[in-house]
Amino acid sequence: MMLHVVDHPLIKHKLTIMRKKETGPKEFRELLREITLLITYEATRHIEVYEIEVETPLEKTKGYYINDKDIVVIPILRAGLGMVDGILELLPNASVGHIGIYRDPETLRAVDYYFKTPKLHDKSEIFILDPMLATGVSAIDAIGKVKELGGKRITFISLIASPEGVKALEEAHPDVDIYTASLDRELNNHGYILPGLGDAGDRLYRTK
């Protein structure tokens, strides 16, 4: 596994606005979509390209294309939904699955309540989305379920990660790359990332 912190100046700027407690849900959603789009540029560098001949107004030349129908985007509900549009702007033919997992506030264990994905095969390029890689419990559970269905090429994309979450995911799934906008300092006693930005799902949908 490799951790990739995509620290582009635009991402740093937008993430700073997201961290502010006064940033409202409309702006928060827009910024999450924009940062996801920017991270996706880096997270898709490894996908396969195919040669094709095209004709310009002047002559024929060699070009390239990707088969984005092999790409599967799987957000972890709820907060991962806010990242989907950012990827689909770049890969409009990608398939989308959904994984419903929440972290029990008492035990900090993953609780599954929904799982539906497109058919996966050897060439499927799978991107699992969750803004917060905190304890790593939800990510580890989601990736395990995707692997059970035959998923092999898996990338995890987050907005913010904790050192504890990265370590846990590395130990459980060393073959999965992580792309994130920031590696924050630590987790607090309740499993929240510090300095973080609060609960991404609550800030997206004003549920608190």
N, C-alpha and C. Protein backbone atom coordinates (compact mmCIF):
# COMPACT_ATOMS: atom_id res chain seq x y z
N MET A 1 0.84 -1.20 0.00
CA MET A 1 0.00 0.00 0.00
C MET A 1 0.87 1.24 0.00
N MET A 2 0.40 2.26 -0.71
CA MET A 2 1.08 3.54 -0.69
C MET A 2 0.10 4.63 -0.29
N LEU A 3 0.55 5.54 0.56
CA LEU A 3 -0.24 6.70 0.92
C LEU A 3 0.18 7.86 0.04
N HIS A 4 -0.79 8.48 -0.64
CA HIS A 4 -0.53 9.61 -1.51
C HIS A 4 -1.28 10.82 -0.95
N VAL A 5 -0.55 11.80 -0.46
CA VAL A 5 -1.16 13.04 0.02
C VAL A 5 -1.08 14.05 -1.12
N VAL A 6 -2.23 14.39 -1.67
CA VAL A 6 -2.28 15.29 -2.83
C VAL A 6 -2.39 16.71 -2.29
N ASP A 7 -1.26 17.37 -2.16
CA ASP A 7 -1.23 18.67 -1.47
C ASP A 7 -1.10 19.83 -2.45
N HIS A 8 -1.85 19.79 -3.53
CA HIS A 8 -1.86 20.87 -4.51
C HIS A 8 -2.35 22.16 -3.84
N PRO A 9 -1.83 23.32 -4.23
CA PRO A 9 -2.27 24.58 -3.62
C PRO A 9 -3.78 24.80 -3.67
N LEU A 10 -4.44 24.42 -4.77
CA LEU A 10 -5.88 24.58 -4.84
C LEU A 10 -6.59 23.72 -3.80
N ILE A 11 -6.07 22.51 -3.59
CA ILE A 11 -6.67 21.62 -2.59
C ILE A 11 -6.47 22.18 -1.19
N LYS A 12 -5.27 22.66 -0.91
CA LYS A 12 -5.00 23.25 0.41
C LYS A 12 -5.95 24.41 0.69
N HIS A 13 -6.14 25.25 -0.30
CA HIS A 13 -7.02 26.42 -0.15
C HIS A 13 -8.46 26.00 0.13
N LYS A 14 -8.97 25.07 -0.68
CA LYS A 14 -10.36 24.65 -0.55
C LYS A 14 -10.58 23.88 0.75
N LEU A 15 -9.61 23.06 1.14
CA LEU A 15 -9.74 22.30 2.37
C LEU A 15 -9.77 23.22 3.59
N THR A 16 -9.01 24.30 3.55
CA THR A 16 -9.01 25.26 4.65
C THR A 16 -10.40 25.86 4.85
N ILE A 17 -11.06 26.17 3.74
CA ILE A 17 -12.42 26.72 3.84
C ILE A 17 -13.37 25.67 4.42
N MET A 18 -13.21 24.42 4.03
CA MET A 18 -14.07 23.35 4.55
C MET A 18 -13.89 23.16 6.05
N ARG A 19 -12.68 23.36 6.54
CA ARG A 19 -12.42 23.15 7.97
C ARG A 19 -13.14 24.19 8.83
N LYS A 20 -13.36 25.37 8.30
CA LYS A 20 -13.96 26.44 9.10
C LYS A 20 -15.35 26.05 9.58
N LYS A 21 -15.60 26.23 10.86
CA LYS A 21 -16.88 25.80 11.43
C LYS A 21 -18.05 26.60 10.89
N GLU A 22 -17.81 27.80 10.37
CA GLU A 22 -18.91 28.61 9.86
C GLU A 22 -19.27 28.29 8.41
N THR A 23 -18.50 27.44 7.75
CA THR A 23 -18.83 27.07 6.38
C THR A 23 -20.11 26.25 6.35
N GLY A 24 -21.09 26.69 5.58
CA GLY A 24 -22.40 26.04 5.53
C GLY A 24 -22.43 24.85 4.59
N PRO A 25 -23.56 24.10 4.60
CA PRO A 25 -23.63 22.86 3.82
C PRO A 25 -23.53 23.06 2.31
N LYS A 26 -24.07 24.15 1.79
CA LYS A 26 -24.00 24.36 0.33
C LYS A 26 -22.55 24.50 -0.12
N GLU A 27 -21.81 25.37 0.56
CA GLU A 27 -20.41 25.56 0.21
C GLU A 27 -19.59 24.31 0.52
N PHE A 28 -19.91 23.65 1.62
CA PHE A 28 -19.20 22.42 2.00
C PHE A 28 -19.36 21.36 0.91
N ARG A 29 -20.58 21.18 0.40
CA ARG A 29 -20.82 20.19 -0.67
C ARG A 29 -20.04 20.55 -1.93
N GLU A 30 -20.06 21.82 -2.29
CA GLU A 30 -19.37 22.24 -3.51
C GLU A 30 -17.86 22.02 -3.40
N LEU A 31 -17.31 22.35 -2.24
CA LEU A 31 -15.88 22.18 -2.04
C LEU A 31 -15.48 20.71 -2.02
N LEU A 32 -16.31 19.87 -1.41
CA LEU A 32 -16.01 18.44 -1.39
C LEU A 32 -15.98 17.87 -2.80
N ARG A 33 -16.95 18.28 -3.62
CA ARG A 33 -16.98 17.83 -5.01
C ARG A 33 -15.73 18.29 -5.76
N GLU A 34 -15.35 19.55 -5.56
CA GLU A 34 -14.19 20.10 -6.27
C GLU A 34 -12.89 19.42 -5.84
N ILE A 35 -12.72 19.21 -4.54
CA ILE A 35 -11.49 18.56 -4.07
C ILE A 35 -11.44 17.11 -4.56
N THR A 36 -12.57 16.43 -4.55
CA THR A 36 -12.60 15.05 -5.06
C THR A 36 -12.16 15.01 -6.51
N LEU A 37 -12.65 15.95 -7.31
CA LEU A 37 -12.26 16.02 -8.72
C LEU A 37 -10.76 16.19 -8.85
N LEU A 38 -10.18 17.07 -8.04
CA LEU A 38 -8.74 17.32 -8.12
C LEU A 38 -7.93 16.10 -7.69
N ILE A 39 -8.37 15.43 -6.62
CA ILE A 39 -7.66 14.21 -6.18
C ILE A 39 -7.76 13.12 -7.24
N THR A 40 -8.90 13.07 -7.93
CA THR A 40 -9.11 12.02 -8.94
C THR A 40 -8.09 12.10 -10.06
N TYR A 41 -7.64 13.31 -10.40
CA TYR A 41 -6.59 13.43 -11.42
C TYR A 41 -5.39 12.57 -11.06
N GLU A 42 -4.98 12.61 -9.79
CA GLU A 42 -3.82 11.83 -9.36
C GLU A 42 -4.16 10.37 -9.15
N ALA A 43 -5.34 10.10 -8.61
CA ALA A 43 -5.71 8.72 -8.26
C ALA A 43 -5.96 7.86 -9.48
N THR A 44 -6.12 8.47 -10.66
CA THR A 44 -6.38 7.70 -11.89
C THR A 44 -5.16 7.59 -12.79
N ARG A 45 -4.01 8.01 -12.31
CA ARG A 45 -2.80 7.96 -13.16
C ARG A 45 -2.45 6.53 -13.60
N HIS A 46 -2.85 5.55 -12.80
CA HIS A 46 -2.44 4.18 -13.09
C HIS A 46 -3.37 3.44 -14.05
N ILE A 47 -4.54 4.03 -14.37
CA ILE A 47 -5.50 3.26 -15.17
C ILE A 47 -5.00 3.11 -16.61
N GLU A 48 -5.41 2.02 -17.22
CA GLU A 48 -4.89 1.64 -18.52
C GLU A 48 -5.43 2.53 -19.63
N VAL A 49 -4.54 2.89 -20.58
CA VAL A 49 -4.96 3.63 -21.76
C VAL A 49 -4.75 2.76 -22.99
N TYR A 50 -5.57 2.99 -24.01
CA TYR A 50 -5.51 2.21 -25.24
C TYR A 50 -5.25 3.16 -26.42
N GLU A 51 -4.48 2.67 -27.38
CA GLU A 51 -4.18 3.47 -28.56
C GLU A 51 -5.35 3.45 -29.54
N ILE A 52 -5.51 4.55 -30.25
CA ILE A 52 -6.53 4.65 -31.27
C ILE A 52 -6.03 5.64 -32.33
N GLU A 53 -6.42 5.41 -33.56
CA GLU A 53 -6.06 6.35 -34.63
C GLU A 53 -7.20 7.34 -34.82
N VAL A 54 -6.85 8.62 -34.83
CA VAL A 54 -7.85 9.66 -35.06
C VAL A 54 -7.40 10.55 -36.20
N GLU A 55 -8.36 11.21 -36.80
CA GLU A 55 -8.03 12.10 -37.92
C GLU A 55 -8.29 13.54 -37.50
N THR A 56 -7.24 14.34 -37.49
CA THR A 56 -7.37 15.77 -37.22
C THR A 56 -7.78 16.47 -38.53
N PRO A 57 -8.06 17.75 -38.50
CA PRO A 57 -8.36 18.46 -39.75
C PRO A 57 -7.20 18.44 -40.75
N LEU A 58 -6.00 18.05 -40.27
CA LEU A 58 -4.83 18.08 -41.16
C LEU A 58 -4.28 16.71 -41.52
N GLU A 59 -4.37 15.75 -40.59
CA GLU A 59 -3.79 14.43 -40.88
C GLU A 59 -4.24 13.43 -39.82
N LYS A 60 -3.90 12.16 -40.07
CA LYS A 60 -4.17 11.13 -39.10
C LYS A 60 -3.05 11.11 -38.06
N THR A 61 -3.41 10.75 -36.82
CA THR A 61 -2.41 10.69 -35.76
C THR A 61 -2.83 9.66 -34.73
N LYS A 62 -1.89 9.33 -33.87
CA LYS A 62 -2.15 8.37 -32.80
C LYS A 62 -2.75 9.09 -31.61
N GLY A 63 -3.80 8.51 -31.04
CA GLY A 63 -4.41 9.06 -29.84
C GLY A 63 -4.60 7.97 -28.80
N TYR A 64 -5.23 8.33 -27.71
CA TYR A 64 -5.42 7.39 -26.61
C TYR A 64 -6.81 7.56 -26.02
N TYR A 65 -7.33 6.47 -25.45
CA TYR A 65 -8.61 6.54 -24.76
C TYR A 65 -8.58 5.59 -23.57
N ILE A 66 -9.48 5.84 -22.63
CA ILE A 66 -9.65 4.94 -21.50
C ILE A 66 -11.05 4.34 -21.57
N ASN A 67 -11.17 3.15 -21.07
CA ASN A 67 -12.49 2.50 -21.03
C ASN A 67 -13.09 2.77 -19.65
N ASP A 68 -13.77 3.91 -19.51
CA ASP A 68 -14.28 4.24 -18.18
C ASP A 68 -15.50 3.41 -17.79
N LYS A 69 -15.96 2.54 -18.71
CA LYS A 69 -17.02 1.60 -18.33
C LYS A 69 -16.48 0.51 -17.40
N ASP A 70 -15.14 0.37 -17.33
CA ASP A 70 -14.53 -0.57 -16.40
C ASP A 70 -14.34 0.04 -15.01
N ILE A 71 -14.68 1.30 -14.85
CA ILE A 71 -14.46 1.99 -13.59
C ILE A 71 -15.71 1.90 -12.72
N VAL A 72 -15.51 1.57 -11.46
CA VAL A 72 -16.61 1.44 -10.51
C VAL A 72 -16.33 2.36 -9.33
N VAL A 73 -17.26 3.24 -9.07
CA VAL A 73 -17.16 4.18 -7.96
C VAL A 73 -18.10 3.73 -6.85
N ILE A 74 -17.56 3.56 -5.64
CA ILE A 74 -18.37 3.05 -4.54
C ILE A 74 -18.23 3.97 -3.33
N PRO A 75 -19.20 4.86 -3.11
CA PRO A 75 -19.16 5.68 -1.90
C PRO A 75 -19.63 4.91 -0.68
N ILE A 76 -19.04 5.20 0.46
CA ILE A 76 -19.52 4.68 1.73
C ILE A 76 -20.53 5.69 2.26
N LEU A 77 -21.77 5.24 2.43
CA LEU A 77 -22.85 6.13 2.87
C LEU A 77 -22.63 6.54 4.34
N ARG A 78 -22.99 7.78 4.71
CA ARG A 78 -23.64 8.79 3.90
C ARG A 78 -22.63 9.70 3.19
N ALA A 79 -21.59 10.05 3.92
CA ALA A 79 -20.74 11.16 3.49
C ALA A 79 -20.07 10.91 2.15
N GLY A 80 -19.81 9.66 1.81
CA GLY A 80 -19.17 9.36 0.53
C GLY A 80 -19.98 9.81 -0.67
N LEU A 81 -21.30 9.95 -0.49
CA LEU A 81 -22.14 10.42 -1.59
C LEU A 81 -21.71 11.80 -2.08
N GLY A 82 -21.20 12.61 -1.17
CA GLY A 82 -20.79 13.96 -1.55
C GLY A 82 -19.57 13.99 -2.45
N MET A 83 -18.90 12.84 -2.64
CA MET A 83 -17.70 12.78 -3.46
C MET A 83 -17.97 12.22 -4.86
N VAL A 84 -19.14 11.63 -5.05
CA VAL A 84 -19.41 10.90 -6.30
C VAL A 84 -19.40 11.83 -7.51
N ASP A 85 -20.08 12.96 -7.42
CA ASP A 85 -20.19 13.84 -8.58
C ASP A 85 -18.82 14.34 -9.06
N GLY A 86 -17.88 14.51 -8.14
CA GLY A 86 -16.55 14.95 -8.53
C GLY A 86 -15.86 13.97 -9.46
N ILE A 87 -16.01 12.67 -9.18
CA ILE A 87 -15.42 11.65 -10.05
C ILE A 87 -16.21 11.52 -11.35
N LEU A 88 -17.54 11.55 -11.26
CA LEU A 88 -18.35 11.36 -12.46
C LEU A 88 -18.20 12.50 -13.46
N GLU A 89 -17.79 13.68 -13.00
CA GLU A 89 -17.52 14.75 -13.95
C GLU A 89 -16.38 14.37 -14.88
N LEU A 90 -15.41 13.61 -14.38
CA LEU A 90 -14.27 13.19 -15.18
C LEU A 90 -14.51 11.85 -15.86
N LEU A 91 -15.29 10.98 -15.23
CA LEU A 91 -15.51 9.62 -15.73
C LEU A 91 -17.02 9.35 -15.81
N PRO A 92 -17.70 9.98 -16.76
CA PRO A 92 -19.16 9.94 -16.77
C PRO A 92 -19.77 8.57 -17.04
N ASN A 93 -19.00 7.65 -17.59
CA ASN A 93 -19.54 6.32 -17.87
C ASN A 93 -19.24 5.30 -16.77
N ALA A 94 -18.66 5.77 -15.67
CA ALA A 94 -18.36 4.85 -14.57
C ALA A 94 -19.65 4.32 -13.95
N SER A 95 -19.58 3.10 -13.44
CA SER A 95 -20.69 2.52 -12.68
C SER A 95 -20.58 2.96 -11.23
N VAL A 96 -21.71 2.97 -10.54
CA VAL A 96 -21.72 3.42 -9.15
C VAL A 96 -22.40 2.38 -8.27
N GLY A 97 -21.69 1.96 -7.22
CA GLY A 97 -22.28 1.10 -6.20
C GLY A 97 -22.49 1.90 -4.93
N HIS A 98 -23.05 1.27 -3.91
CA HIS A 98 -23.27 1.94 -2.64
C HIS A 98 -23.02 0.95 -1.50
N ILE A 99 -22.32 1.42 -0.48
CA ILE A 99 -22.09 0.62 0.72
C ILE A 99 -22.55 1.43 1.92
N GLY A 100 -23.51 0.88 2.66
CA GLY A 100 -24.00 1.54 3.87
C GLY A 100 -23.33 0.97 5.10
N ILE A 101 -22.50 1.78 5.73
CA ILE A 101 -21.78 1.37 6.95
C ILE A 101 -21.79 2.56 7.91
N TYR A 102 -22.05 2.30 9.17
CA TYR A 102 -21.82 3.36 10.15
C TYR A 102 -21.00 2.80 11.30
N ARG A 103 -20.31 3.69 11.97
CA ARG A 103 -19.45 3.29 13.08
C ARG A 103 -20.23 3.43 14.37
N ASP A 104 -20.39 2.32 15.10
CA ASP A 104 -21.09 2.34 16.37
C ASP A 104 -20.35 3.28 17.32
N PRO A 105 -21.03 4.30 17.86
CA PRO A 105 -20.34 5.29 18.70
C PRO A 105 -19.79 4.72 20.01
N GLU A 106 -20.36 3.59 20.46
CA GLU A 106 -19.88 3.00 21.72
C GLU A 106 -18.70 2.06 21.48
N THR A 107 -18.85 1.15 20.50
CA THR A 107 -17.82 0.14 20.27
C THR A 107 -16.81 0.56 19.22
N LEU A 108 -17.15 1.59 18.40
CA LEU A 108 -16.35 2.03 17.26
C LEU A 108 -16.18 0.94 16.21
N ARG A 109 -17.08 -0.04 16.23
CA ARG A 109 -17.05 -1.10 15.22
C ARG A 109 -17.98 -0.76 14.06
N ALA A 110 -17.69 -1.37 12.89
CA ALA A 110 -18.51 -1.13 11.71
C ALA A 110 -19.82 -1.89 11.79
N VAL A 111 -20.90 -1.21 11.43
CA VAL A 111 -22.22 -1.83 11.36
C VAL A 111 -22.72 -1.67 9.92
N ASP A 112 -22.97 -2.78 9.24
CA ASP A 112 -23.42 -2.76 7.84
C ASP A 112 -24.93 -2.69 7.77
N TYR A 113 -25.46 -1.88 6.84
CA TYR A 113 -26.91 -1.85 6.66
C TYR A 113 -27.33 -1.84 5.19
N TYR A 114 -26.37 -1.68 4.26
CA TYR A 114 -26.73 -1.70 2.84
C TYR A 114 -25.49 -2.02 2.02
N PHE A 115 -25.68 -2.85 0.97
CA PHE A 115 -24.55 -3.19 0.10
C PHE A 115 -25.08 -3.57 -1.27
N LYS A 116 -24.76 -2.76 -2.27
CA LYS A 116 -25.15 -3.07 -3.64
C LYS A 116 -24.11 -2.48 -4.59
N THR A 117 -23.50 -3.32 -5.38
CA THR A 117 -22.48 -2.86 -6.33
C THR A 117 -22.74 -3.46 -7.70
N PRO A 118 -22.21 -2.83 -8.75
CA PRO A 118 -22.26 -3.45 -10.07
C PRO A 118 -21.42 -4.73 -10.06
N LYS A 119 -21.57 -5.51 -11.11
CA LYS A 119 -20.77 -6.74 -11.23
C LYS A 119 -19.30 -6.35 -11.37
N LEU A 120 -18.44 -7.01 -10.60
CA LEU A 120 -17.02 -6.72 -10.62
C LEU A 120 -16.28 -7.83 -11.35
N HIS A 121 -15.22 -7.44 -12.05
CA HIS A 121 -14.40 -8.43 -12.77
C HIS A 121 -12.93 -8.02 -12.66
N ASP A 122 -12.05 -8.80 -13.29
CA ASP A 122 -10.61 -8.59 -13.13
C ASP A 122 -10.14 -7.22 -13.59
N LYS A 123 -10.83 -6.64 -14.57
CA LYS A 123 -10.41 -5.35 -15.10
C LYS A 123 -11.10 -4.17 -14.43
N SER A 124 -11.97 -4.43 -13.49
CA SER A 124 -12.66 -3.34 -12.80
C SER A 124 -11.67 -2.49 -12.01
N GLU A 125 -11.67 -1.19 -12.28
CA GLU A 125 -10.90 -0.23 -11.50
C GLU A 125 -11.86 0.37 -10.47
N ILE A 126 -11.66 0.03 -9.21
CA ILE A 126 -12.63 0.36 -8.17
C ILE A 126 -12.10 1.48 -7.29
N PHE A 127 -12.93 2.50 -7.10
CA PHE A 127 -12.58 3.62 -6.24
C PHE A 127 -13.61 3.70 -5.12
N ILE A 128 -13.16 3.44 -3.90
CA ILE A 128 -14.03 3.51 -2.73
C ILE A 128 -13.84 4.88 -2.08
N LEU A 129 -14.95 5.54 -1.79
CA LEU A 129 -14.92 6.94 -1.35
C LEU A 129 -15.46 7.11 0.06
N ASP A 130 -14.74 7.85 0.87
CA ASP A 130 -15.23 8.27 2.19
C ASP A 130 -14.41 9.49 2.59
N PRO A 131 -15.06 10.63 2.88
CA PRO A 131 -14.27 11.82 3.20
C PRO A 131 -13.31 11.64 4.37
N MET A 132 -13.68 10.83 5.35
CA MET A 132 -12.87 10.71 6.55
C MET A 132 -12.32 9.29 6.72
N LEU A 133 -11.02 9.15 6.72
CA LEU A 133 -10.38 7.89 7.10
C LEU A 133 -9.91 8.08 8.53
N ALA A 134 -10.79 7.74 9.47
CA ALA A 134 -10.53 8.00 10.89
C ALA A 134 -9.93 6.75 11.54
N THR A 135 -10.77 5.90 12.11
CA THR A 135 -10.26 4.66 12.71
C THR A 135 -9.89 3.64 11.64
N GLY A 136 -10.47 3.79 10.46
CA GLY A 136 -10.24 2.83 9.38
C GLY A 136 -11.23 1.68 9.38
N VAL A 137 -12.11 1.62 10.37
CA VAL A 137 -13.02 0.48 10.51
C VAL A 137 -13.94 0.35 9.31
N SER A 138 -14.58 1.45 8.90
CA SER A 138 -15.52 1.39 7.78
C SER A 138 -14.80 1.07 6.48
N ALA A 139 -13.66 1.69 6.26
CA ALA A 139 -12.89 1.44 5.03
C ALA A 139 -12.46 -0.01 4.94
N ILE A 140 -11.95 -0.56 6.03
CA ILE A 140 -11.49 -1.95 6.04
C ILE A 140 -12.64 -2.90 5.74
N ASP A 141 -13.80 -2.64 6.35
CA ASP A 141 -14.97 -3.48 6.14
C ASP A 141 -15.44 -3.39 4.69
N ALA A 142 -15.52 -2.17 4.15
CA ALA A 142 -15.99 -1.98 2.77
C ALA A 142 -15.06 -2.65 1.78
N ILE A 143 -13.77 -2.48 1.95
CA ILE A 143 -12.80 -3.08 1.02
C ILE A 143 -12.88 -4.60 1.10
N GLY A 144 -13.03 -5.13 2.30
CA GLY A 144 -13.16 -6.59 2.44
C GLY A 144 -14.35 -7.14 1.69
N LYS A 145 -15.48 -6.45 1.75
CA LYS A 145 -16.68 -6.90 1.05
C LYS A 145 -16.50 -6.82 -0.47
N VAL A 146 -15.84 -5.77 -0.94
CA VAL A 146 -15.59 -5.63 -2.37
C VAL A 146 -14.67 -6.74 -2.86
N LYS A 147 -13.67 -7.08 -2.06
CA LYS A 147 -12.77 -8.17 -2.44
C LYS A 147 -13.50 -9.50 -2.49
N GLU A 148 -14.46 -9.70 -1.59
CA GLU A 148 -15.23 -10.95 -1.61
C GLU A 148 -16.01 -11.12 -2.91
N LEU A 149 -16.37 -10.01 -3.54
CA LEU A 149 -17.10 -10.04 -4.80
C LEU A 149 -16.17 -10.11 -6.00
N GLY A 150 -14.89 -10.21 -5.77
CA GLY A 150 -13.94 -10.34 -6.87
C GLY A 150 -13.16 -9.09 -7.21
N GLY A 151 -13.37 -8.00 -6.46
CA GLY A 151 -12.63 -6.77 -6.72
C GLY A 151 -11.15 -6.92 -6.41
N LYS A 152 -10.30 -6.51 -7.34
CA LYS A 152 -8.86 -6.66 -7.15
C LYS A 152 -8.13 -5.32 -7.24
N ARG A 153 -8.54 -4.48 -8.17
CA ARG A 153 -7.87 -3.19 -8.36
C ARG A 153 -8.64 -2.13 -7.58
N ILE A 154 -8.22 -1.88 -6.37
CA ILE A 154 -8.99 -1.02 -5.47
C ILE A 154 -8.14 0.16 -5.02
N THR A 155 -8.72 1.35 -5.09
CA THR A 155 -8.10 2.56 -4.59
C THR A 155 -9.07 3.22 -3.62
N PHE A 156 -8.55 3.70 -2.51
CA PHE A 156 -9.39 4.37 -1.51
C PHE A 156 -9.10 5.86 -1.56
N ILE A 157 -10.15 6.67 -1.69
CA ILE A 157 -10.00 8.12 -1.75
C ILE A 157 -10.71 8.75 -0.57
N SER A 158 -9.99 9.59 0.15
CA SER A 158 -10.58 10.31 1.28
C SER A 158 -10.22 11.79 1.19
N LEU A 159 -10.86 12.58 1.99
CA LEU A 159 -10.54 14.00 2.09
C LEU A 159 -9.45 14.22 3.15
N ILE A 160 -9.65 13.58 4.31
CA ILE A 160 -8.73 13.70 5.44
C ILE A 160 -8.47 12.30 5.99
N ALA A 161 -7.24 12.04 6.40
CA ALA A 161 -6.89 10.75 7.00
C ALA A 161 -6.16 10.98 8.31
N SER A 162 -6.30 10.02 9.21
CA SER A 162 -5.53 10.04 10.46
C SER A 162 -4.40 9.02 10.35
N PRO A 163 -3.31 9.22 11.08
CA PRO A 163 -2.23 8.22 11.07
C PRO A 163 -2.73 6.85 11.53
N GLU A 164 -3.64 6.84 12.52
CA GLU A 164 -4.16 5.57 13.02
C GLU A 164 -4.97 4.84 11.95
N GLY A 165 -5.78 5.59 11.21
CA GLY A 165 -6.59 4.97 10.17
C GLY A 165 -5.74 4.44 9.03
N VAL A 166 -4.73 5.20 8.64
CA VAL A 166 -3.82 4.75 7.59
C VAL A 166 -3.11 3.46 8.01
N LYS A 167 -2.63 3.42 9.24
CA LYS A 167 -1.92 2.24 9.74
C LYS A 167 -2.84 1.02 9.76
N ALA A 168 -4.07 1.21 10.23
CA ALA A 168 -5.02 0.09 10.29
C ALA A 168 -5.36 -0.43 8.90
N LEU A 169 -5.57 0.48 7.96
CA LEU A 169 -5.90 0.06 6.60
C LEU A 169 -4.72 -0.61 5.92
N GLU A 170 -3.52 -0.10 6.19
CA GLU A 170 -2.32 -0.71 5.63
C GLU A 170 -2.16 -2.15 6.11
N GLU A 171 -2.42 -2.37 7.39
CA GLU A 171 -2.26 -3.72 7.94
C GLU A 171 -3.32 -4.68 7.41
N ALA A 172 -4.55 -4.17 7.23
CA ALA A 172 -5.64 -5.04 6.77
C ALA A 172 -5.61 -5.28 5.27
N HIS A 173 -5.26 -4.24 4.50
CA HIS A 173 -5.29 -4.33 3.03
C HIS A 173 -4.05 -3.66 2.45
N PRO A 174 -2.89 -4.31 2.54
CA PRO A 174 -1.65 -3.68 2.08
C PRO A 174 -1.58 -3.46 0.57
N ASP A 175 -2.52 -4.02 -0.18
CA ASP A 175 -2.51 -3.88 -1.63
C ASP A 175 -3.36 -2.71 -2.12
N VAL A 176 -3.94 -1.92 -1.22
CA VAL A 176 -4.83 -0.83 -1.59
C VAL A 176 -4.13 0.51 -1.38
N ASP A 177 -4.07 1.32 -2.44
CA ASP A 177 -3.49 2.66 -2.32
C ASP A 177 -4.51 3.62 -1.72
N ILE A 178 -4.01 4.58 -0.95
CA ILE A 178 -4.84 5.61 -0.35
C ILE A 178 -4.46 6.96 -0.94
N TYR A 179 -5.47 7.70 -1.39
CA TYR A 179 -5.27 9.07 -1.84
C TYR A 179 -6.08 9.98 -0.92
N THR A 180 -5.43 11.01 -0.41
CA THR A 180 -6.10 11.92 0.52
C THR A 180 -5.57 13.33 0.33
N ALA A 181 -6.34 14.31 0.79
CA ALA A 181 -5.91 15.70 0.70
C ALA A 181 -5.06 16.11 1.90
N SER A 182 -5.17 15.38 3.01
CA SER A 182 -4.42 15.76 4.21
C SER A 182 -4.27 14.59 5.15
N LEU A 183 -3.08 14.43 5.69
CA LEU A 183 -2.85 13.49 6.79
C LEU A 183 -2.82 14.32 8.06
N ASP A 184 -3.91 14.25 8.82
CA ASP A 184 -4.04 15.08 10.02
C ASP A 184 -3.28 14.47 11.20
N ARG A 185 -3.36 15.14 12.35
CA ARG A 185 -2.48 14.83 13.48
C ARG A 185 -2.79 13.51 14.18
N GLU A 186 -4.06 13.32 14.60
CA GLU A 186 -4.39 12.17 15.42
C GLU A 186 -5.90 12.03 15.58
N LEU A 187 -6.32 10.96 16.25
CA LEU A 187 -7.71 10.77 16.64
C LEU A 187 -7.90 11.19 18.09
N ASN A 188 -9.11 11.68 18.41
CA ASN A 188 -9.41 11.91 19.83
C ASN A 188 -10.03 10.65 20.43
N ASN A 189 -10.47 10.73 21.67
CA ASN A 189 -11.00 9.55 22.36
C ASN A 189 -12.31 9.03 21.77
N HIS A 190 -12.98 9.86 20.97
CA HIS A 190 -14.24 9.46 20.36
C HIS A 190 -14.06 9.03 18.90
N GLY A 191 -12.82 8.91 18.45
CA GLY A 191 -12.55 8.45 17.10
C GLY A 191 -12.71 9.52 16.04
N TYR A 192 -12.68 10.80 16.44
CA TYR A 192 -12.75 11.89 15.48
C TYR A 192 -11.34 12.38 15.16
N ILE A 193 -11.14 12.78 13.90
CA ILE A 193 -9.84 13.25 13.46
C ILE A 193 -9.58 14.67 13.98
N LEU A 194 -8.35 14.90 14.47
CA LEU A 194 -7.92 16.22 14.90
C LEU A 194 -6.78 16.71 14.01
N PRO A 195 -6.78 17.96 13.53
CA PRO A 195 -7.80 18.96 13.77
C PRO A 195 -9.12 18.71 13.03
N GLY A 196 -9.06 17.99 11.92
CA GLY A 196 -10.27 17.54 11.24
C GLY A 196 -11.16 18.66 10.76
N LEU A 197 -12.44 18.32 10.59
CA LEU A 197 -13.44 19.30 10.20
C LEU A 197 -14.82 18.93 10.74
N GLY A 198 -14.84 18.08 11.76
CA GLY A 198 -16.11 17.63 12.32
C GLY A 198 -16.63 16.41 11.58
N ASP A 199 -17.92 16.14 11.75
CA ASP A 199 -18.56 15.01 11.08
C ASP A 199 -18.96 15.44 9.67
N ALA A 200 -18.33 14.84 8.65
CA ALA A 200 -18.57 15.27 7.27
C ALA A 200 -20.02 15.06 6.86
N GLY A 201 -20.62 13.94 7.27
CA GLY A 201 -22.01 13.68 6.92
C GLY A 201 -22.95 14.71 7.51
N ASP A 202 -22.76 15.06 8.77
CA ASP A 202 -23.60 16.07 9.41
C ASP A 202 -23.44 17.44 8.75
N ARG A 203 -22.23 17.76 8.36
CA ARG A 203 -22.00 19.07 7.74
C ARG A 203 -22.53 19.11 6.30
N LEU A 204 -22.52 17.98 5.62
CA LEU A 204 -23.08 17.92 4.28
C LEU A 204 -24.60 18.10 4.28
N TYR A 205 -25.25 17.44 5.25
CA TYR A 205 -26.70 17.33 5.19
C TYR A 205 -27.42 18.02 6.37
N ARG A 206 -26.66 18.80 7.14
CA ARG A 206 -27.21 19.54 8.26
C ARG A 206 -28.08 18.66 9.16
N THR A 207 -27.52 17.54 9.57
CA THR A 207 -28.25 16.61 10.45
C THR A 207 -27.93 16.85 11.91
N LYS A 208 -27.08 17.83 12.19
CA LYS A 208 -26.84 18.24 13.57
C LYS A 208 -26.68 19.75 13.62
